[in-house]
Amino acid sequence: MSKWISVKDRLPKSIINKVLVHCKNGYIGFGHYEEFKGAKCWYNLESGEPFTKWDLNGCESYAVTHWMPLPEPPKEENR
């Protein structure tokens, strides 16, 4: 099994990389990281919205702190 990777150490290589994310407030979900024209953003794959859109003044932060690659899907057995 993979281990959590700090966003300070390394970021996913491609936006097609669907990964597990861990946020500052303890939330764990599915996401992907995107860099486009200098903008950098983590997106929640369940809502399609940036994680930062969930942050509200005085509330817990959804800032992504760690990520982990998803495991390989099971291989179908040929019968």
Protein backbone atom coordinates (compact mmCIF):
# COMPACT_ATOMS: atom_id res chain seq x y z
CA MET A 1 0.00 0.00 0.00
CA SER A 2 1.18 3.51 -0.76
CA LYS A 3 1.97 6.03 1.96
CA TRP A 4 0.76 9.60 2.34
CA ILE A 5 2.93 12.15 0.50
CA SER A 6 3.20 15.70 1.79
CA VAL A 7 2.30 18.40 -0.76
CA LYS A 8 5.49 20.11 0.44
CA ASP A 9 7.55 17.13 -0.80
CA ARG A 10 5.90 16.32 -4.12
CA LEU A 11 2.73 16.89 -6.17
CA PRO A 12 0.97 14.51 -8.57
CA LYS A 13 2.41 14.68 -12.08
CA SER A 14 -0.79 14.97 -14.07
CA ILE A 15 -4.36 16.16 -13.63
CA ILE A 16 -5.54 12.79 -14.86
CA ASN A 17 -4.01 11.40 -11.68
CA LYS A 18 -6.93 10.71 -9.39
CA VAL A 19 -5.63 10.47 -5.84
CA LEU A 20 -6.76 10.31 -2.24
CA VAL A 21 -6.32 13.63 -0.47
CA HIS A 22 -6.05 14.54 3.21
CA CYS A 23 -7.04 18.07 4.24
CA LYS A 24 -5.88 20.17 7.16
CA ASN A 25 -9.20 19.58 8.96
CA GLY A 26 -8.91 15.77 8.66
CA TYR A 27 -11.22 15.32 5.66
CA ILE A 28 -10.18 12.48 3.32
CA GLY A 29 -11.61 12.27 -0.19
CA PHE A 30 -10.85 11.90 -3.89
CA GLY A 31 -9.15 14.70 -5.78
CA HIS A 32 -6.73 15.80 -8.43
CA TYR A 33 -4.16 18.59 -8.67
CA GLU A 34 -4.11 21.00 -11.58
CA GLU A 35 -1.65 23.66 -12.74
CA PHE A 36 -2.79 25.89 -15.60
CA LYS A 37 -1.35 29.25 -16.68
CA GLY A 38 0.33 29.72 -13.31
CA ALA A 39 -2.77 28.85 -11.28
CA LYS A 40 -2.44 25.85 -8.95
CA CYS A 41 -5.50 24.16 -7.49
CA TRP A 42 -6.72 20.94 -5.87
CA TYR A 43 -10.16 19.80 -7.06
CA ASN A 44 -12.60 17.58 -5.21
CA LEU A 45 -13.63 14.80 -7.59
CA GLU A 46 -16.93 14.25 -5.79
CA SER A 47 -18.18 17.84 -6.12
CA GLY A 48 -16.07 19.01 -9.08
CA GLU A 49 -15.26 22.16 -7.09
CA PRO A 50 -11.89 23.40 -5.82
CA PHE A 51 -11.25 22.40 -2.21
CA THR A 52 -10.64 26.08 -1.41
CA LYS A 53 -14.27 26.88 -2.34
CA TRP A 54 -15.32 24.91 0.75
CA ASP A 55 -13.25 27.12 3.06
CA LEU A 56 -15.32 29.73 4.88
CA ASN A 57 -14.18 32.47 7.24
CA GLY A 58 -13.74 31.07 10.73
CA CYS A 59 -14.37 27.46 9.62
CA GLU A 60 -12.09 24.49 9.29
CA SER A 61 -9.66 24.57 6.39
CA TYR A 62 -9.98 22.17 3.46
CA ALA A 63 -6.42 22.94 2.37
CA VAL A 64 -4.86 19.73 1.02
CA THR A 65 -1.83 18.72 3.08
CA HIS A 66 -1.15 15.17 1.82
CA TRP A 67 -2.06 12.89 -1.07
CA MET A 68 -1.76 9.22 -1.95
CA PRO A 69 -1.99 7.39 -5.29
CA LEU A 70 -4.96 5.07 -5.69
CA PRO A 71 -4.17 1.36 -5.89
CA GLU A 72 -4.27 -0.40 -9.23
CA PRO A 73 -7.72 -1.76 -10.10
CA PRO A 74 -8.20 -5.52 -9.90
CA LYS A 75 -7.35 -7.48 -13.01
CA GLU A 76 -10.08 -9.55 -14.55
CA GLU A 77 -9.41 -13.22 -14.73
CA ASN A 78 -9.84 -14.89 -18.10
CA ARG A 79 -11.82 -18.07 -17.82
